Every structure is written in structure tokens, then in C-alpha cells.
Amino acid sequence: SYAWTDEKVSAPIHDDLRSGVSQWVGYLDQNLDGKVQ
């Protein structure tokens, strides 16, 4: 559970696609080097 520090209700910045990519890379990247080999 979190909130974007610089996000306001009046000015949303959340990006579903970016979150999805982050999640996808996050389980493929098993050596935790921040990229998918």
C-alpha cells in the first residue's frame, strides 16, 4: 500500500502500463540486476 508523493487527487500521475511493466520486469529479472537478460 503506497501513495505517489507528488500525486494529487486533482492531478493524477499514476500510469497503469508503467506499473504493469515494472511488475513484469520484476519477476523476469531473477538476478536482480535491474534488467531482463
ModelCIF file with pLDDT and N, C-alpha, C, O atoms, coordinates in Angstrom:
data_MODEL
#
_entry.id   MODEL 
#
_entity.id                         1 
_entity.type                       polymer 
_entity.pdbx_number_of_molecules   1 
#
_entity_poly.entity_id                      1 
_entity_poly.type                           'polypeptide(L)' 
_entity_poly.nstd_linkage                   no 
_entity_poly.nstd_monomer                   no 
_entity_poly.pdbx_seq_one_letter_code       SYAWTDEKVSAPIHDDLRSGVSQWVGYLDQNLDGKVQ 
_entity_poly.pdbx_seq_one_letter_code_can   SYAWTDEKVSAPIHDDLRSGVSQWVGYLDQNLDGKVQ 
_entity_poly.pdbx_strand_id                 A 
#
loop_
_entity_poly_seq.entity_id 
_entity_poly_seq.num 
_entity_poly_seq.mon_id 
_entity_poly_seq.hetero 
1 1  SER n 
1 2  TYR n 
1 3  ALA n 
1 4  TRP n 
1 5  THR n 
1 6  ASP n 
1 7  GLU n 
1 8  LYS n 
1 9  VAL n 
1 10 SER n 
1 11 ALA n 
1 12 PRO n 
1 13 ILE n 
1 14 HIS n 
1 15 ASP n 
1 16 ASP n 
1 17 LEU n 
1 18 ARG n 
1 19 SER n 
1 20 GLY n 
1 21 VAL n 
1 22 SER n 
1 23 GLN n 
1 24 TRP n 
1 25 VAL n 
1 26 GLY n 
1 27 TYR n 
1 28 LEU n 
1 29 ASP n 
1 30 GLN n 
1 31 ASN n 
1 32 LEU n 
1 33 ASP n 
1 34 GLY n 
1 35 LYS n 
1 36 VAL n 
1 37 GLN n 
#
_struct_asym.id          A 
_struct_asym.entity_id   1 
#
loop_
_ma_qa_metric.id 
_ma_qa_metric.mode 
_ma_qa_metric.name 
_ma_qa_metric.software_group_id 
_ma_qa_metric.type 
1 global pLDDT . pLDDT 
2 local  pLDDT . pLDDT 
#
_ma_qa_metric_global.metric_id      1 
_ma_qa_metric_global.metric_value   94.46 
_ma_qa_metric_global.model_id       1 
_ma_qa_metric_global.ordinal_id     1 
#
loop_
_ma_qa_metric_local.label_asym_id 
_ma_qa_metric_local.label_comp_id 
_ma_qa_metric_local.label_seq_id 
_ma_qa_metric_local.metric_id 
_ma_qa_metric_local.metric_value 
_ma_qa_metric_local.model_id 
_ma_qa_metric_local.ordinal_id 
A SER 1  2 97.00 1 1  
A TYR 2  2 97.00 1 2  
A ALA 3  2 97.00 1 3  
A TRP 4  2 98.00 1 4  
A THR 5  2 96.00 1 5  
A ASP 6  2 93.00 1 6  
A GLU 7  2 96.00 1 7  
A LYS 8  2 95.00 1 8  
A VAL 9  2 95.00 1 9  
A SER 10 2 93.00 1 10 
A ALA 11 2 95.00 1 11 
A PRO 12 2 95.00 1 12 
A ILE 13 2 96.00 1 13 
A HIS 14 2 96.00 1 14 
A ASP 15 2 94.00 1 15 
A ASP 16 2 91.00 1 16 
A LEU 17 2 93.00 1 17 
A ARG 18 2 94.00 1 18 
A SER 19 2 94.00 1 19 
A GLY 20 2 92.00 1 20 
A VAL 21 2 94.00 1 21 
A SER 22 2 95.00 1 22 
A GLN 23 2 94.00 1 23 
A TRP 24 2 93.00 1 24 
A VAL 25 2 95.00 1 25 
A GLY 26 2 95.00 1 26 
A TYR 27 2 93.00 1 27 
A LEU 28 2 95.00 1 28 
A ASP 29 2 95.00 1 29 
A GLN 30 2 92.00 1 30 
A ASN 31 2 94.00 1 31 
A LEU 32 2 94.00 1 32 
A ASP 33 2 94.00 1 33 
A GLY 34 2 93.00 1 34 
A LYS 35 2 94.00 1 35 
A VAL 36 2 95.00 1 36 
A GLN 37 2 93.00 1 37 
#
loop_
_atom_site.group_PDB 
_atom_site.id 
_atom_site.type_symbol 
_atom_site.label_atom_id 
_atom_site.label_alt_id 
_atom_site.label_comp_id 
_atom_site.label_asym_id 
_atom_site.label_entity_id 
_atom_site.label_seq_id 
_atom_site.pdbx_PDB_ins_code 
_atom_site.Cartn_x 
_atom_site.Cartn_y 
_atom_site.Cartn_z 
_atom_site.occupancy 
_atom_site.B_iso_or_equiv 
_atom_site.pdbx_formal_charge 
_atom_site.auth_seq_id 
_atom_site.auth_comp_id 
_atom_site.auth_asym_id 
_atom_site.auth_atom_id 
_atom_site.pdbx_PDB_model_num 
ATOM 1   N N  . SER A 1 1  ? 0.865  -1.191  0.000   1.00 97.00 ? 1  SER A N  1 
ATOM 2   C CA . SER A 1 1  ? 0.000  0.000   0.000   1.00 97.00 ? 1  SER A CA 1 
ATOM 3   C C  . SER A 1 1  ? 0.895  1.233   0.000   1.00 97.00 ? 1  SER A C  1 
ATOM 4   O O  . SER A 1 1  ? 1.809  1.345   0.817   1.00 97.00 ? 1  SER A O  1 
ATOM 5   N N  . TYR A 1 2  ? 0.630  2.155   -0.918  1.00 97.00 ? 2  TYR A N  1 
ATOM 6   C CA . TYR A 1 2  ? 1.514  3.313   -1.050  1.00 97.00 ? 2  TYR A CA 1 
ATOM 7   C C  . TYR A 1 2  ? 0.750  4.476   -1.680  1.00 97.00 ? 2  TYR A C  1 
ATOM 8   O O  . TYR A 1 2  ? -0.390 4.329   -2.122  1.00 97.00 ? 2  TYR A O  1 
ATOM 9   N N  . ALA A 1 3  ? 1.402  5.625   -1.709  1.00 97.00 ? 3  ALA A N  1 
ATOM 10  C CA . ALA A 1 3  ? 0.902  6.786   -2.451  1.00 97.00 ? 3  ALA A CA 1 
ATOM 11  C C  . ALA A 1 3  ? 2.080  7.416   -3.166  1.00 97.00 ? 3  ALA A C  1 
ATOM 12  O O  . ALA A 1 3  ? 3.191  7.453   -2.637  1.00 97.00 ? 3  ALA A O  1 
ATOM 13  N N  . TRP A 1 4  ? 1.832  7.916   -4.383  1.00 98.00 ? 4  TRP A N  1 
ATOM 14  C CA . TRP A 1 4  ? 2.870  8.683   -5.059  1.00 98.00 ? 4  TRP A CA 1 
ATOM 15  C C  . TRP A 1 4  ? 3.021  10.012  -4.333  1.00 98.00 ? 4  TRP A C  1 
ATOM 16  O O  . TRP A 1 4  ? 2.047  10.743  -4.156  1.00 98.00 ? 4  TRP A O  1 
ATOM 17  N N  . THR A 1 5  ? 4.222  10.318  -3.922  1.00 96.00 ? 5  THR A N  1 
ATOM 18  C CA . THR A 1 5  ? 4.454  11.512  -3.107  1.00 96.00 ? 5  THR A CA 1 
ATOM 19  C C  . THR A 1 5  ? 4.026  12.783  -3.839  1.00 96.00 ? 5  THR A C  1 
ATOM 20  O O  . THR A 1 5  ? 3.491  13.704  -3.223  1.00 96.00 ? 5  THR A O  1 
ATOM 21  N N  . ASP A 1 6  ? 4.260  12.833  -5.146  1.00 93.00 ? 6  ASP A N  1 
ATOM 22  C CA . ASP A 1 6  ? 3.950  14.044  -5.907  1.00 93.00 ? 6  ASP A CA 1 
ATOM 23  C C  . ASP A 1 6  ? 2.630  13.940  -6.674  1.00 93.00 ? 6  ASP A C  1 
ATOM 24  O O  . ASP A 1 6  ? 2.392  14.707  -7.607  1.00 93.00 ? 6  ASP A O  1 
ATOM 25  N N  . GLU A 1 7  ? 1.767  12.987  -6.280  1.00 96.00 ? 7  GLU A N  1 
ATOM 26  C CA . GLU A 1 7  ? 0.464  12.864  -6.934  1.00 96.00 ? 7  GLU A CA 1 
ATOM 27  C C  . GLU A 1 7  ? -0.617 13.494  -6.074  1.00 96.00 ? 7  GLU A C  1 
ATOM 28  O O  . GLU A 1 7  ? -0.650 13.287  -4.861  1.00 96.00 ? 7  GLU A O  1 
ATOM 29  N N  . LYS A 1 8  ? -1.483 14.247  -6.684  1.00 95.00 ? 8  LYS A N  1 
ATOM 30  C CA . LYS A 1 8  ? -2.627 14.832  -6.005  1.00 95.00 ? 8  LYS A CA 1 
ATOM 31  C C  . LYS A 1 8  ? -3.913 14.316  -6.656  1.00 95.00 ? 8  LYS A C  1 
ATOM 32  O O  . LYS A 1 8  ? -3.932 13.956  -7.834  1.00 95.00 ? 8  LYS A O  1 
ATOM 33  N N  . VAL A 1 9  ? -4.974 14.289  -5.867  1.00 95.00 ? 9  VAL A N  1 
ATOM 34  C CA . VAL A 1 9  ? -6.263 13.874  -6.406  1.00 95.00 ? 9  VAL A CA 1 
ATOM 35  C C  . VAL A 1 9  ? -6.640 14.739  -7.605  1.00 95.00 ? 9  VAL A C  1 
ATOM 36  O O  . VAL A 1 9  ? -7.248 14.263  -8.564  1.00 95.00 ? 9  VAL A O  1 
ATOM 37  N N  . SER A 1 10 ? -6.270 16.009  -7.534  1.00 93.00 ? 10 SER A N  1 
ATOM 38  C CA . SER A 1 10 ? -6.609 16.934  -8.621  1.00 93.00 ? 10 SER A CA 1 
ATOM 39  C C  . SER A 1 10 ? -5.699 16.778  -9.834  1.00 93.00 ? 10 SER A C  1 
ATOM 40  O O  . SER A 1 10 ? -5.993 17.305  -10.906 1.00 93.00 ? 10 SER A O  1 
ATOM 41  N N  . ALA A 1 11 ? -4.573 16.039  -9.662  1.00 95.00 ? 11 ALA A N  1 
ATOM 42  C CA . ALA A 1 11 ? -3.621 15.879  -10.765 1.00 95.00 ? 11 ALA A CA 1 
ATOM 43  C C  . ALA A 1 11 ? -3.020 14.469  -10.727 1.00 95.00 ? 11 ALA A C  1 
ATOM 44  O O  . ALA A 1 11 ? -1.880 14.300  -10.297 1.00 95.00 ? 11 ALA A O  1 
ATOM 45  N N  . PRO A 1 12 ? -3.775 13.451  -11.174 1.00 95.00 ? 12 PRO A N  1 
ATOM 46  C CA . PRO A 1 12 ? -3.279 12.061  -11.138 1.00 95.00 ? 12 PRO A CA 1 
ATOM 47  C C  . PRO A 1 12 ? -2.054 11.882  -12.038 1.00 95.00 ? 12 PRO A C  1 
ATOM 48  O O  . PRO A 1 12 ? -1.964 12.486  -13.107 1.00 95.00 ? 12 PRO A O  1 
ATOM 49  N N  . ILE A 1 13 ? -1.124 11.053  -11.596 1.00 96.00 ? 13 ILE A N  1 
ATOM 50  C CA . ILE A 1 13 ? 0.066  10.754  -12.400 1.00 96.00 ? 13 ILE A CA 1 
ATOM 51  C C  . ILE A 1 13 ? 0.268  9.253   -12.569 1.00 96.00 ? 13 ILE A C  1 
ATOM 52  O O  . ILE A 1 13 ? 1.180  8.829   -13.279 1.00 96.00 ? 13 ILE A O  1 
ATOM 53  N N  . HIS A 1 14 ? -0.562 8.452   -11.933 1.00 96.00 ? 14 HIS A N  1 
ATOM 54  C CA . HIS A 1 14 ? -0.373 7.008   -11.982 1.00 96.00 ? 14 HIS A CA 1 
ATOM 55  C C  . HIS A 1 14 ? -0.526 6.506   -13.412 1.00 96.00 ? 14 HIS A C  1 
ATOM 56  O O  . HIS A 1 14 ? -1.410 6.948   -14.145 1.00 96.00 ? 14 HIS A O  1 
ATOM 57  N N  . ASP A 1 15 ? 0.338  5.586   -13.795 1.00 94.00 ? 15 ASP A N  1 
ATOM 58  C CA . ASP A 1 15 ? 0.346  5.031   -15.145 1.00 94.00 ? 15 ASP A CA 1 
ATOM 59  C C  . ASP A 1 15 ? 0.235  3.512   -15.031 1.00 94.00 ? 15 ASP A C  1 
ATOM 60  O O  . ASP A 1 15 ? 1.183  2.850   -14.609 1.00 94.00 ? 15 ASP A O  1 
ATOM 61  N N  . ASP A 1 16 ? -0.919 2.958   -15.405 1.00 91.00 ? 16 ASP A N  1 
ATOM 62  C CA . ASP A 1 16 ? -1.135 1.512   -15.292 1.00 91.00 ? 16 ASP A CA 1 
ATOM 63  C C  . ASP A 1 16 ? -0.135 0.720   -16.119 1.00 91.00 ? 16 ASP A C  1 
ATOM 64  O O  . ASP A 1 16 ? 0.330  -0.334  -15.685 1.00 91.00 ? 16 ASP A O  1 
ATOM 65  N N  . LEU A 1 17 ? 0.201  1.215   -17.302 1.00 93.00 ? 17 LEU A N  1 
ATOM 66  C CA . LEU A 1 17 ? 1.120  0.475   -18.152 1.00 93.00 ? 17 LEU A CA 1 
ATOM 67  C C  . LEU A 1 17 ? 2.509  0.425   -17.521 1.00 93.00 ? 17 LEU A C  1 
ATOM 68  O O  . LEU A 1 17 ? 3.149  -0.627  -17.518 1.00 93.00 ? 17 LEU A O  1 
ATOM 69  N N  . ARG A 1 18 ? 2.979  1.548   -16.990 1.00 94.00 ? 18 ARG A N  1 
ATOM 70  C CA . ARG A 1 18 ? 4.299  1.559   -16.357 1.00 94.00 ? 18 ARG A CA 1 
ATOM 71  C C  . ARG A 1 18 ? 4.326  0.626   -15.148 1.00 94.00 ? 18 ARG A C  1 
ATOM 72  O O  . ARG A 1 18 ? 5.318  -0.065  -14.914 1.00 94.00 ? 18 ARG A O  1 
ATOM 73  N N  . SER A 1 19 ? 3.241  0.608   -14.385 1.00 94.00 ? 19 SER A N  1 
ATOM 74  C CA . SER A 1 19 ? 3.177  -0.294  -13.240 1.00 94.00 ? 19 SER A CA 1 
ATOM 75  C C  . SER A 1 19 ? 3.199  -1.750  -13.694 1.00 94.00 ? 19 SER A C  1 
ATOM 76  O O  . SER A 1 19 ? 3.840  -2.596  -13.071 1.00 94.00 ? 19 SER A O  1 
ATOM 77  N N  . GLY A 1 20 ? 2.488  -2.032  -14.792 1.00 92.00 ? 20 GLY A N  1 
ATOM 78  C CA . GLY A 1 20 ? 2.476  -3.390  -15.310 1.00 92.00 ? 20 GLY A CA 1 
ATOM 79  C C  . GLY A 1 20 ? 3.846  -3.830  -15.798 1.00 92.00 ? 20 GLY A C  1 
ATOM 80  O O  . GLY A 1 20 ? 4.259  -4.965  -15.562 1.00 92.00 ? 20 GLY A O  1 
ATOM 81  N N  . VAL A 1 21 ? 4.554  -2.932  -16.479 1.00 94.00 ? 21 VAL A N  1 
ATOM 82  C CA . VAL A 1 21 ? 5.900  -3.249  -16.948 1.00 94.00 ? 21 VAL A CA 1 
ATOM 83  C C  . VAL A 1 21 ? 6.829  -3.488  -15.765 1.00 94.00 ? 21 VAL A C  1 
ATOM 84  O O  . VAL A 1 21 ? 7.640  -4.413  -15.780 1.00 94.00 ? 21 VAL A O  1 
ATOM 85  N N  . SER A 1 22 ? 6.707  -2.655  -14.747 1.00 95.00 ? 22 SER A N  1 
ATOM 86  C CA . SER A 1 22 ? 7.531  -2.816  -13.544 1.00 95.00 ? 22 SER A CA 1 
ATOM 87  C C  . SER A 1 22 ? 7.309  -4.187  -12.917 1.00 95.00 ? 22 SER A C  1 
ATOM 88  O O  . SER A 1 22 ? 8.254  -4.850  -12.491 1.00 95.00 ? 22 SER A O  1 
ATOM 89  N N  . GLN A 1 23 ? 6.057  -4.597  -12.868 1.00 94.00 ? 23 GLN A N  1 
ATOM 90  C CA . GLN A 1 23 ? 5.712  -5.898  -12.300 1.00 94.00 ? 23 GLN A CA 1 
ATOM 91  C C  . GLN A 1 23 ? 6.263  -7.032  -13.170 1.00 94.00 ? 23 GLN A C  1 
ATOM 92  O O  . GLN A 1 23 ? 6.766  -8.031  -12.655 1.00 94.00 ? 23 GLN A O  1 
ATOM 93  N N  . TRP A 1 24 ? 6.164  -6.870  -14.478 1.00 93.00 ? 24 TRP A N  1 
ATOM 94  C CA . TRP A 1 24 ? 6.612  -7.892  -15.425 1.00 93.00 ? 24 TRP A CA 1 
ATOM 95  C C  . TRP A 1 24 ? 8.124  -8.070  -15.362 1.00 93.00 ? 24 TRP A C  1 
ATOM 96  O O  . TRP A 1 24 ? 8.629  -9.187  -15.237 1.00 93.00 ? 24 TRP A O  1 
ATOM 97  N N  . VAL A 1 25 ? 8.844  -6.940  -15.450 1.00 95.00 ? 25 VAL A N  1 
ATOM 98  C CA . VAL A 1 25 ? 10.300 -7.000  -15.345 1.00 95.00 ? 25 VAL A CA 1 
ATOM 99  C C  . VAL A 1 25 ? 10.700 -7.588  -13.997 1.00 95.00 ? 25 VAL A C  1 
ATOM 100 O O  . VAL A 1 25 ? 11.689 -8.312  -13.887 1.00 95.00 ? 25 VAL A O  1 
ATOM 101 N N  . GLY A 1 26 ? 9.916  -7.264  -12.976 1.00 95.00 ? 26 GLY A N  1 
ATOM 102 C CA . GLY A 1 26 ? 10.257 -7.648  -11.616 1.00 95.00 ? 26 GLY A CA 1 
ATOM 103 C C  . GLY A 1 26 ? 10.236 -9.129  -11.332 1.00 95.00 ? 26 GLY A C  1 
ATOM 104 O O  . GLY A 1 26 ? 10.901 -9.578  -10.398 1.00 95.00 ? 26 GLY A O  1 
ATOM 105 N N  . TYR A 1 27 ? 9.484  -9.919  -12.117 1.00 93.00 ? 27 TYR A N  1 
ATOM 106 C CA . TYR A 1 27 ? 9.558  -11.363 -11.887 1.00 93.00 ? 27 TYR A CA 1 
ATOM 107 C C  . TYR A 1 27 ? 10.438 -12.066 -12.919 1.00 93.00 ? 27 TYR A C  1 
ATOM 108 O O  . TYR A 1 27 ? 10.892 -13.187 -12.687 1.00 93.00 ? 27 TYR A O  1 
ATOM 109 N N  . LEU A 1 28 ? 10.685 -11.406 -14.068 1.00 95.00 ? 28 LEU A N  1 
ATOM 110 C CA . LEU A 1 28 ? 11.622 -11.986 -15.030 1.00 95.00 ? 28 LEU A CA 1 
ATOM 111 C C  . LEU A 1 28 ? 13.073 -11.792 -14.583 1.00 95.00 ? 28 LEU A C  1 
ATOM 112 O O  . LEU A 1 28 ? 13.925 -12.648 -14.819 1.00 95.00 ? 28 LEU A O  1 
ATOM 113 N N  . ASP A 1 29 ? 13.339 -10.662 -13.940 1.00 95.00 ? 29 ASP A N  1 
ATOM 114 C CA . ASP A 1 29 ? 14.703 -10.291 -13.534 1.00 95.00 ? 29 ASP A CA 1 
ATOM 115 C C  . ASP A 1 29 ? 15.104 -11.054 -12.272 1.00 95.00 ? 29 ASP A C  1 
ATOM 116 O O  . ASP A 1 29 ? 15.085 -10.501 -11.172 1.00 95.00 ? 29 ASP A O  1 
ATOM 117 N N  . GLN A 1 30 ? 15.465 -12.320 -12.439 1.00 92.00 ? 30 GLN A N  1 
ATOM 118 C CA . GLN A 1 30 ? 15.744 -13.169 -11.284 1.00 92.00 ? 30 GLN A CA 1 
ATOM 119 C C  . GLN A 1 30 ? 17.102 -12.904 -10.640 1.00 92.00 ? 30 GLN A C  1 
ATOM 120 O O  . GLN A 1 30 ? 17.300 -13.260 -9.479  1.00 92.00 ? 30 GLN A O  1 
ATOM 121 N N  . ASN A 1 31 ? 18.046 -12.288 -11.360 1.00 94.00 ? 31 ASN A N  1 
ATOM 122 C CA . ASN A 1 31 ? 19.328 -11.974 -10.729 1.00 94.00 ? 31 ASN A CA 1 
ATOM 123 C C  . ASN A 1 31 ? 19.368 -10.566 -10.144 1.00 94.00 ? 31 ASN A C  1 
ATOM 124 O O  . ASN A 1 31 ? 20.399 -10.127 -9.635  1.00 94.00 ? 31 ASN A O  1 
ATOM 125 N N  . LEU A 1 32 ? 18.235 -9.858  -10.219 1.00 94.00 ? 32 LEU A N  1 
ATOM 126 C CA . LEU A 1 32 ? 18.050 -8.546  -9.571  1.00 94.00 ? 32 LEU A CA 1 
ATOM 127 C C  . LEU A 1 32 ? 19.051 -7.498  -10.048 1.00 94.00 ? 32 LEU A C  1 
ATOM 128 O O  . LEU A 1 32 ? 19.466 -6.639  -9.271  1.00 94.00 ? 32 LEU A O  1 
ATOM 129 N N  . ASP A 1 33 ? 19.443 -7.566  -11.332 1.00 94.00 ? 33 ASP A N  1 
ATOM 130 C CA . ASP A 1 33 ? 20.364 -6.551  -11.834 1.00 94.00 ? 33 ASP A CA 1 
ATOM 131 C C  . ASP A 1 33 ? 19.631 -5.389  -12.496 1.00 94.00 ? 33 ASP A C  1 
ATOM 132 O O  . ASP A 1 33 ? 20.264 -4.487  -13.045 1.00 94.00 ? 33 ASP A O  1 
ATOM 133 N N  . GLY A 1 34 ? 18.284 -5.405  -12.447 1.00 93.00 ? 34 GLY A N  1 
ATOM 134 C CA . GLY A 1 34 ? 17.510 -4.287  -12.971 1.00 93.00 ? 34 GLY A CA 1 
ATOM 135 C C  . GLY A 1 34 ? 17.209 -4.363  -14.454 1.00 93.00 ? 34 GLY A C  1 
ATOM 136 O O  . GLY A 1 34 ? 16.717 -3.398  -15.038 1.00 93.00 ? 34 GLY A O  1 
ATOM 137 N N  . LYS A 1 35 ? 17.498 -5.494  -15.068 1.00 94.00 ? 35 LYS A N  1 
ATOM 138 C CA . LYS A 1 35 ? 17.197 -5.659  -16.488 1.00 94.00 ? 35 LYS A CA 1 
ATOM 139 C C  . LYS A 1 35 ? 16.941 -7.130  -16.769 1.00 94.00 ? 35 LYS A C  1 
ATOM 140 O O  . LYS A 1 35 ? 17.303 -8.003  -15.980 1.00 94.00 ? 35 LYS A O  1 
ATOM 141 N N  . VAL A 1 36 ? 16.301 -7.393  -17.923 1.00 95.00 ? 36 VAL A N  1 
ATOM 142 C CA . VAL A 1 36 ? 15.943 -8.762  -18.290 1.00 95.00 ? 36 VAL A CA 1 
ATOM 143 C C  . VAL A 1 36 ? 16.915 -9.261  -19.345 1.00 95.00 ? 36 VAL A C  1 
ATOM 144 O O  . VAL A 1 36 ? 16.973 -8.728  -20.453 1.00 95.00 ? 36 VAL A O  1 
ATOM 145 N N  . GLN A 1 37 ? 17.682 -10.294 -18.991 1.00 93.00 ? 37 GLN A N  1 
ATOM 146 C CA . GLN A 1 37 ? 18.594 -10.909 -19.945 1.00 93.00 ? 37 GLN A CA 1 
ATOM 147 C C  . GLN A 1 37 ? 17.805 -11.853 -20.863 1.00 93.00 ? 37 GLN A C  1 
ATOM 148 O O  . GLN A 1 37 ? 18.386 -12.480 -21.749 1.00 93.00 ? 37 GLN A O  1 
#
